[in-house]
PDB file of all heavy atoms in Angstrom:
ATOM      1  N   ALA A   1     -18.094 212.888  65.838  1.00  0.00           N
ATOM      2  CA  ALA A   1     -16.914 212.223  66.399  1.00  0.00           C
ATOM      3  C   ALA A   1     -15.760 212.198  65.404  1.00  0.00           C
ATOM      4  O   ALA A   1     -14.603 212.433  65.785  1.00  0.00           O
ATOM      5  CB  ALA A   1     -17.282 210.803  66.822  1.00  0.00           C
ATOM      6  N   THR A   2     -16.050 211.936  64.125  1.00  0.00           N
ATOM      7  CA  THR A   2     -14.959 211.882  63.151  1.00  0.00           C
ATOM      8  C   THR A   2     -14.352 213.260  62.895  1.00  0.00           C
ATOM      9  O   THR A   2     -13.138 213.379  62.752  1.00  0.00           O
ATOM     10  CB  THR A   2     -15.415 211.269  61.817  1.00  0.00           C
ATOM     11  OG1 THR A   2     -16.474 212.035  61.270  1.00  0.00           O
ATOM     12  CG2 THR A   2     -15.840 209.829  61.991  1.00  0.00           C
ATOM     13  N   VAL A   3     -15.199 214.282  62.858  1.00  0.00           N
ATOM     14  CA  VAL A   3     -14.662 215.638  62.659  1.00  0.00           C
ATOM     15  C   VAL A   3     -13.841 216.058  63.875  1.00  0.00           C
ATOM     16  O   VAL A   3     -12.735 216.602  63.731  1.00  0.00           O
ATOM     17  CB  VAL A   3     -15.799 216.639  62.357  1.00  0.00           C
ATOM     18  CG1 VAL A   3     -15.297 218.068  62.395  1.00  0.00           C
ATOM     19  CG2 VAL A   3     -16.437 216.330  61.009  1.00  0.00           C
ATOM     20  N   LEU A   4     -14.345 215.803  65.075  1.00  0.00           N
ATOM     21  CA  LEU A   4     -13.578 216.131  66.279  1.00  0.00           C
ATOM     22  C   LEU A   4     -12.282 215.331  66.339  1.00  0.00           C
ATOM     23  O   LEU A   4     -11.252 215.848  66.790  1.00  0.00           O
ATOM     24  CB  LEU A   4     -14.408 215.860  67.539  1.00  0.00           C
ATOM     25  CG  LEU A   4     -15.458 216.885  67.901  1.00  0.00           C
ATOM     26  CD1 LEU A   4     -16.238 216.437  69.127  1.00  0.00           C
ATOM     27  CD2 LEU A   4     -14.824 218.237  68.165  1.00  0.00           C
ATOM     28  N   GLY A   5     -12.335 214.089  65.885  1.00  0.00           N
ATOM     29  CA  GLY A   5     -11.141 213.256  65.885  1.00  0.00           C
ATOM     30  C   GLY A   5     -10.039 213.798  65.002  1.00  0.00           C
ATOM     31  O   GLY A   5      -8.854 213.544  65.240  1.00  0.00           O
ATOM     32  N   ARG A   6     -10.402 214.535  63.979  1.00  0.00           N
ATOM     33  CA  ARG A   6      -9.391 215.142  63.099  1.00  0.00           C
ATOM     34  C   ARG A   6      -8.744 216.362  63.748  1.00  0.00           C
ATOM     35  O   ARG A   6      -7.591 216.680  63.481  1.00  0.00           O
ATOM     36  CB  ARG A   6     -10.010 215.563  61.769  1.00  0.00           C
ATOM     37  CG  ARG A   6     -10.560 214.443  60.966  1.00  0.00           C
ATOM     38  CD  ARG A   6      -9.485 213.504  60.491  1.00  0.00           C
ATOM     39  NE  ARG A   6     -10.095 212.333  59.866  1.00  0.00           N
ATOM     40  CZ  ARG A   6      -9.444 211.277  59.506  1.00  0.00           C
ATOM     41  NH1 ARG A   6      -8.144 211.195  59.693  1.00  0.00           N
ATOM     42  NH2 ARG A   6     -10.072 210.266  58.960  1.00  0.00           N
ATOM     43  N   PHE A   7      -9.481 217.061  64.602  1.00  0.00           N
ATOM     44  CA  PHE A   7      -8.957 218.298  65.184  1.00  0.00           C
ATOM     45  C   PHE A   7      -8.352 218.118  66.573  1.00  0.00           C
ATOM     46  O   PHE A   7      -7.526 218.907  66.984  1.00  0.00           O
ATOM     47  CB  PHE A   7     -10.056 219.362  65.239  1.00  0.00           C
ATOM     48  CG  PHE A   7     -10.483 219.832  63.886  1.00  0.00           C
ATOM     49  CD1 PHE A   7     -11.733 219.522  63.380  1.00  0.00           C
ATOM     50  CD2 PHE A   7      -9.623 220.572  63.091  1.00  0.00           C
ATOM     51  CE1 PHE A   7     -12.137 219.951  62.121  1.00  0.00           C
ATOM     52  CE2 PHE A   7      -9.998 221.003  61.830  1.00  0.00           C
ATOM     53  CZ  PHE A   7     -11.256 220.686  61.350  1.00  0.00           C
ATOM     54  N   LYS A   8      -8.798 217.106  67.293  1.00  0.00           N
ATOM     55  CA  LYS A   8      -8.280 216.865  68.644  1.00  0.00           C
ATOM     56  C   LYS A   8      -7.542 215.533  68.665  1.00  0.00           C
ATOM     57  O   LYS A   8      -8.157 214.479  68.578  1.00  0.00           O
ATOM     58  CB  LYS A   8      -9.418 216.863  69.658  1.00  0.00           C
ATOM     59  CG  LYS A   8     -10.110 218.199  69.764  1.00  0.00           C
ATOM     60  CD  LYS A   8     -11.058 218.227  70.904  1.00  0.00           C
ATOM     61  CE  LYS A   8     -11.637 219.636  71.011  1.00  0.00           C
ATOM     62  NZ  LYS A   8     -12.160 219.899  72.309  1.00  0.00           N
ATOM     63  N   PRO A   9      -6.227 215.584  68.793  1.00  0.00           N
ATOM     64  CA  PRO A   9      -5.430 214.355  68.717  1.00  0.00           C
ATOM     65  C   PRO A   9      -5.797 213.298  69.763  1.00  0.00           C
ATOM     66  O   PRO A   9      -5.734 212.117  69.496  1.00  0.00           O
ATOM     67  CB  PRO A   9      -3.991 214.839  68.921  1.00  0.00           C
ATOM     68  CG  PRO A   9      -4.020 216.295  68.635  1.00  0.00           C
ATOM     69  CD  PRO A   9      -5.403 216.769  68.933  1.00  0.00           C
ATOM     70  N   GLN A  10      -6.186 213.710  70.973  1.00  0.00           N
ATOM     71  CA  GLN A  10      -6.517 212.732  72.007  1.00  0.00           C
ATOM     72  C   GLN A  10      -7.777 211.942  71.646  1.00  0.00           C
ATOM     73  O   GLN A  10      -7.886 210.762  71.959  1.00  0.00           O
ATOM     74  CB  GLN A  10      -6.647 213.370  73.391  1.00  0.00           C
ATOM     75  CG  GLN A  10      -7.743 214.404  73.536  1.00  0.00           C
ATOM     76  CD  GLN A  10      -7.321 215.808  73.176  1.00  0.00           C
ATOM     77  OE1 GLN A  10      -6.409 216.007  72.388  1.00  0.00           O
ATOM     78  NE2 GLN A  10      -7.992 216.797  73.737  1.00  0.00           N
ATOM     79  N   ILE A  11      -8.714 212.554  70.942  1.00  0.00           N
ATOM     80  CA  ILE A  11      -9.913 211.843  70.469  1.00  0.00           C
ATOM     81  C   ILE A  11      -9.560 211.043  69.219  1.00  0.00           C
ATOM     82  O   ILE A  11      -9.956 209.884  69.086  1.00  0.00           O
ATOM     83  CB  ILE A  11     -11.057 212.829  70.172  1.00  0.00           C
ATOM     84  CG1 ILE A  11     -11.499 213.527  71.442  1.00  0.00           C
ATOM     85  CG2 ILE A  11     -12.238 212.115  69.524  1.00  0.00           C
ATOM     86  CD1 ILE A  11     -12.505 214.644  71.223  1.00  0.00           C
ATOM     87  N   GLY A  12      -8.831 211.649  68.311  1.00  0.00           N
ATOM     88  CA  GLY A  12      -8.474 210.995  67.054  1.00  0.00           C
ATOM     89  C   GLY A  12      -7.653 209.741  67.240  1.00  0.00           C
ATOM     90  O   GLY A  12      -7.841 208.747  66.524  1.00  0.00           O
ATOM     91  N   SER A  13      -6.748 209.735  68.213  1.00  0.00           N
ATOM     92  CA  SER A  13      -5.919 208.552  68.417  1.00  0.00           C
ATOM     93  C   SER A  13      -6.736 207.378  68.929  1.00  0.00           C
ATOM     94  O   SER A  13      -6.402 206.222  68.669  1.00  0.00           O
ATOM     95  CB  SER A  13      -4.770 208.863  69.376  1.00  0.00           C
ATOM     96  OG  SER A  13      -5.278 209.221  70.643  1.00  0.00           O
ATOM     97  N   LYS A  14      -7.822 207.644  69.629  1.00  0.00           N
ATOM     98  CA  LYS A  14      -8.703 206.564  70.095  1.00  0.00           C
ATOM     99  C   LYS A  14      -9.658 206.131  68.993  1.00  0.00           C
ATOM    100  O   LYS A  14      -9.912 204.944  68.813  1.00  0.00           O
ATOM    101  CB  LYS A  14      -9.496 207.020  71.311  1.00  0.00           C
ATOM    102  CG  LYS A  14      -8.643 207.252  72.527  1.00  0.00           C
ATOM    103  CD  LYS A  14      -9.457 207.778  73.673  1.00  0.00           C
ATOM    104  CE  LYS A  14      -8.541 208.120  74.844  1.00  0.00           C
ATOM    105  NZ  LYS A  14      -9.254 208.768  75.920  1.00  0.00           N
ATOM    106  N   LEU A  15     -10.195 207.090  68.263  1.00  0.00           N
ATOM    107  CA  LEU A  15     -11.182 206.796  67.236  1.00  0.00           C
ATOM    108  C   LEU A  15     -10.549 206.138  66.015  1.00  0.00           C
ATOM    109  O   LEU A  15     -11.100 205.196  65.450  1.00  0.00           O
ATOM    110  CB  LEU A  15     -11.892 208.095  66.824  1.00  0.00           C
ATOM    111  CG  LEU A  15     -13.074 207.977  65.895  1.00  0.00           C
ATOM    112  CD1 LEU A  15     -14.185 207.169  66.550  1.00  0.00           C
ATOM    113  CD2 LEU A  15     -13.589 209.354  65.526  1.00  0.00           C
ATOM    114  N   PHE A  16      -9.389 206.618  65.616  1.00  0.00           N
ATOM    115  CA  PHE A  16      -8.700 206.096  64.438  1.00  0.00           C
ATOM    116  C   PHE A  16      -7.440 205.347  64.888  1.00  0.00           C
ATOM    117  O   PHE A  16      -6.329 205.676  64.491  1.00  0.00           O
ATOM    118  CB  PHE A  16      -8.327 207.217  63.479  1.00  0.00           C
ATOM    119  CG  PHE A  16      -9.477 208.096  63.093  1.00  0.00           C
ATOM    120  CD1 PHE A  16      -9.493 209.437  63.439  1.00  0.00           C
ATOM    121  CD2 PHE A  16     -10.553 207.587  62.380  1.00  0.00           C
ATOM    122  CE1 PHE A  16     -10.552 210.252  63.071  1.00  0.00           C
ATOM    123  CE2 PHE A  16     -11.610 208.392  62.015  1.00  0.00           C
ATOM    124  CZ  PHE A  16     -11.615 209.721  62.362  1.00  0.00           C
ATOM    125  N   SER A  17      -7.606 204.339  65.693  1.00  0.00           N
ATOM    126  CA  SER A  17      -6.457 203.666  66.304  1.00  0.00           C
ATOM    127  C   SER A  17      -5.642 202.844  65.318  1.00  0.00           C
ATOM    128  O   SER A  17      -4.515 202.462  65.613  1.00  0.00           O
ATOM    129  CB  SER A  17      -6.936 202.768  67.446  1.00  0.00           C
ATOM    130  OG  SER A  17      -7.835 201.789  66.955  1.00  0.00           O
ATOM    131  N   LYS A  18      -6.176 202.566  64.128  1.00  0.00           N
ATOM    132  CA  LYS A  18      -5.464 201.726  63.162  1.00  0.00           C
ATOM    133  C   LYS A  18      -4.421 202.497  62.346  1.00  0.00           C
ATOM    134  O   LYS A  18      -3.603 201.881  61.677  1.00  0.00           O
ATOM    135  CB  LYS A  18      -6.456 201.056  62.225  1.00  0.00           C
ATOM    136  CG  LYS A  18      -7.424 200.157  62.953  1.00  0.00           C
ATOM    137  CD  LYS A  18      -7.806 198.997  62.122  1.00  0.00           C
ATOM    138  CE  LYS A  18      -8.889 198.223  62.819  1.00  0.00           C
ATOM    139  NZ  LYS A  18      -8.461 197.064  63.478  1.00  0.00           N
ATOM    140  N   ILE A  19      -4.467 203.826  62.374  1.00  0.00           N
ATOM    141  CA  ILE A  19      -3.445 204.582  61.638  1.00  0.00           C
ATOM    142  C   ILE A  19      -2.573 205.327  62.647  1.00  0.00           C
ATOM    143  O   ILE A  19      -3.024 205.647  63.749  1.00  0.00           O
ATOM    144  CB  ILE A  19      -4.066 205.571  60.622  1.00  0.00           C
ATOM    145  CG1 ILE A  19      -4.855 206.681  61.305  1.00  0.00           C
ATOM    146  CG2 ILE A  19      -4.946 204.858  59.639  1.00  0.00           C
ATOM    147  CD1 ILE A  19      -5.230 207.803  60.368  1.00  0.00           C
ATOM    148  N   PRO A  20      -1.340 205.599  62.289  1.00  0.00           N
ATOM    149  CA  PRO A  20      -0.447 206.322  63.198  1.00  0.00           C
ATOM    150  C   PRO A  20      -1.001 207.727  63.511  1.00  0.00           C
ATOM    151  O   PRO A  20      -1.603 208.361  62.644  1.00  0.00           O
ATOM    152  CB  PRO A  20       0.858 206.429  62.418  1.00  0.00           C
ATOM    153  CG  PRO A  20       0.783 205.377  61.370  1.00  0.00           C
ATOM    154  CD  PRO A  20      -0.666 205.194  61.067  1.00  0.00           C
ATOM    155  N   PRO A  21      -0.810 208.193  64.734  1.00  0.00           N
ATOM    156  CA  PRO A  21      -1.344 209.509  65.131  1.00  0.00           C
ATOM    157  C   PRO A  21      -0.898 210.657  64.229  1.00  0.00           C
ATOM    158  O   PRO A  21      -1.650 211.602  64.012  1.00  0.00           O
ATOM    159  CB  PRO A  21      -0.816 209.708  66.552  1.00  0.00           C
ATOM    160  CG  PRO A  21      -0.540 208.340  67.051  1.00  0.00           C
ATOM    161  CD  PRO A  21      -0.159 207.518  65.849  1.00  0.00           C
ATOM    162  N   GLU A  22       0.309 210.583  63.680  1.00  0.00           N
ATOM    163  CA  GLU A  22       0.785 211.683  62.829  1.00  0.00           C
ATOM    164  C   GLU A  22       0.074 211.706  61.478  1.00  0.00           C
ATOM    165  O   GLU A  22       0.122 212.711  60.778  1.00  0.00           O
ATOM    166  CB  GLU A  22       2.305 211.613  62.626  1.00  0.00           C
ATOM    167  CG  GLU A  22       2.811 210.357  61.959  1.00  0.00           C
ATOM    168  CD  GLU A  22       3.073 209.203  62.919  1.00  0.00           C
ATOM    169  OE1 GLU A  22       2.842 209.339  64.121  1.00  0.00           O
ATOM    170  OE2 GLU A  22       3.509 208.152  62.419  1.00  0.00           O
ATOM    171  N   GLU A  23      -0.604 210.626  61.114  1.00  0.00           N
ATOM    172  CA  GLU A  23      -1.333 210.584  59.842  1.00  0.00           C
ATOM    173  C   GLU A  23      -2.807 210.948  59.984  1.00  0.00           C
ATOM    174  O   GLU A  23      -3.512 211.009  58.985  1.00  0.00           O
ATOM    175  CB  GLU A  23      -1.217 209.192  59.217  1.00  0.00           C
ATOM    176  CG  GLU A  23       0.148 208.879  58.681  1.00  0.00           C
ATOM    177  CD  GLU A  23       0.175 207.567  57.923  1.00  0.00           C
ATOM    178  OE1 GLU A  23      -0.891 207.091  57.494  1.00  0.00           O
ATOM    179  OE2 GLU A  23       1.276 207.025  57.756  1.00  0.00           O
ATOM    180  N   ILE A  24      -3.288 211.181  61.186  1.00  0.00           N
ATOM    181  CA  ILE A  24      -4.713 211.475  61.390  1.00  0.00           C
ATOM    182  C   ILE A  24      -5.134 212.713  60.613  1.00  0.00           C
ATOM    183  O   ILE A  24      -6.215 212.757  60.047  1.00  0.00           O
ATOM    184  CB  ILE A  24      -5.031 211.617  62.894  1.00  0.00           C
ATOM    185  CG1 ILE A  24      -4.933 210.239  63.549  1.00  0.00           C
ATOM    186  CG2 ILE A  24      -6.407 212.225  63.118  1.00  0.00           C
ATOM    187  CD1 ILE A  24      -5.112 210.250  65.039  1.00  0.00           C
ATOM    188  N   ARG A  25      -4.273 213.710  60.550  1.00  0.00           N
ATOM    189  CA  ARG A  25      -4.602 214.947  59.830  1.00  0.00           C
ATOM    190  C   ARG A  25      -4.040 214.999  58.418  1.00  0.00           C
ATOM    191  O   ARG A  25      -4.389 215.894  57.652  1.00  0.00           O
ATOM    192  CB  ARG A  25      -4.073 216.156  60.601  1.00  0.00           C
ATOM    193  CG  ARG A  25      -4.805 216.420  61.871  1.00  0.00           C
ATOM    194  CD  ARG A  25      -4.306 217.705  62.461  1.00  0.00           C
ATOM    195  NE  ARG A  25      -5.011 218.009  63.695  1.00  0.00           N
ATOM    196  CZ  ARG A  25      -4.728 219.035  64.444  1.00  0.00           C
ATOM    197  NH1 ARG A  25      -3.762 219.842  64.093  1.00  0.00           N
ATOM    198  NH2 ARG A  25      -5.409 219.259  65.533  1.00  0.00           N
ATOM    199  N   THR A  26      -3.182 214.066  58.048  1.00  0.00           N
ATOM    200  CA  THR A  26      -2.509 214.184  56.760  1.00  0.00           C
ATOM    201  C   THR A  26      -2.863 213.093  55.756  1.00  0.00           C
ATOM    202  O   THR A  26      -2.635 213.278  54.568  1.00  0.00           O
ATOM    203  CB  THR A  26      -0.977 214.172  56.960  1.00  0.00           C
ATOM    204  OG1 THR A  26      -0.602 212.957  57.603  1.00  0.00           O
ATOM    205  CG2 THR A  26      -0.525 215.359  57.782  1.00  0.00           C
ATOM    206  N   ASN A  27      -3.390 211.981  56.182  1.00  0.00           N
ATOM    207  CA  ASN A  27      -3.712 210.872  55.285  1.00  0.00           C
ATOM    208  C   ASN A  27      -5.012 211.186  54.549  1.00  0.00           C
ATOM    209  O   ASN A  27      -6.117 210.957  55.048  1.00  0.00           O
ATOM    210  CB  ASN A  27      -3.829 209.574  56.083  1.00  0.00           C
ATOM    211  CG  ASN A  27      -3.974 208.360  55.210  1.00  0.00           C
ATOM    212  OD1 ASN A  27      -4.484 208.436  54.094  1.00  0.00           O
ATOM    213  ND2 ASN A  27      -3.535 207.228  55.729  1.00  0.00           N
ATOM    214  N   ILE A  28      -4.899 211.726  53.344  1.00  0.00           N
ATOM    215  CA  ILE A  28      -6.050 212.210  52.581  1.00  0.00           C
ATOM    216  C   ILE A  28      -7.065 211.099  52.310  1.00  0.00           C
ATOM    217  O   ILE A  28      -8.264 211.307  52.452  1.00  0.00           O
ATOM    218  CB  ILE A  28      -5.590 212.857  51.251  1.00  0.00           C
ATOM    219  CG1 ILE A  28      -4.655 214.034  51.515  1.00  0.00           C
ATOM    220  CG2 ILE A  28      -6.783 213.298  50.411  1.00  0.00           C
ATOM    221  CD1 ILE A  28      -5.259 215.153  52.307  1.00  0.00           C
TER     222      ILE A  28
END
């Protein structure tokens, strides 16, 4: 789920809801 959340924004925005969507792939 975490790996998919990094590659698919629709999953990542639900899984990592505490950070802004634009940071899902960039927040190291």
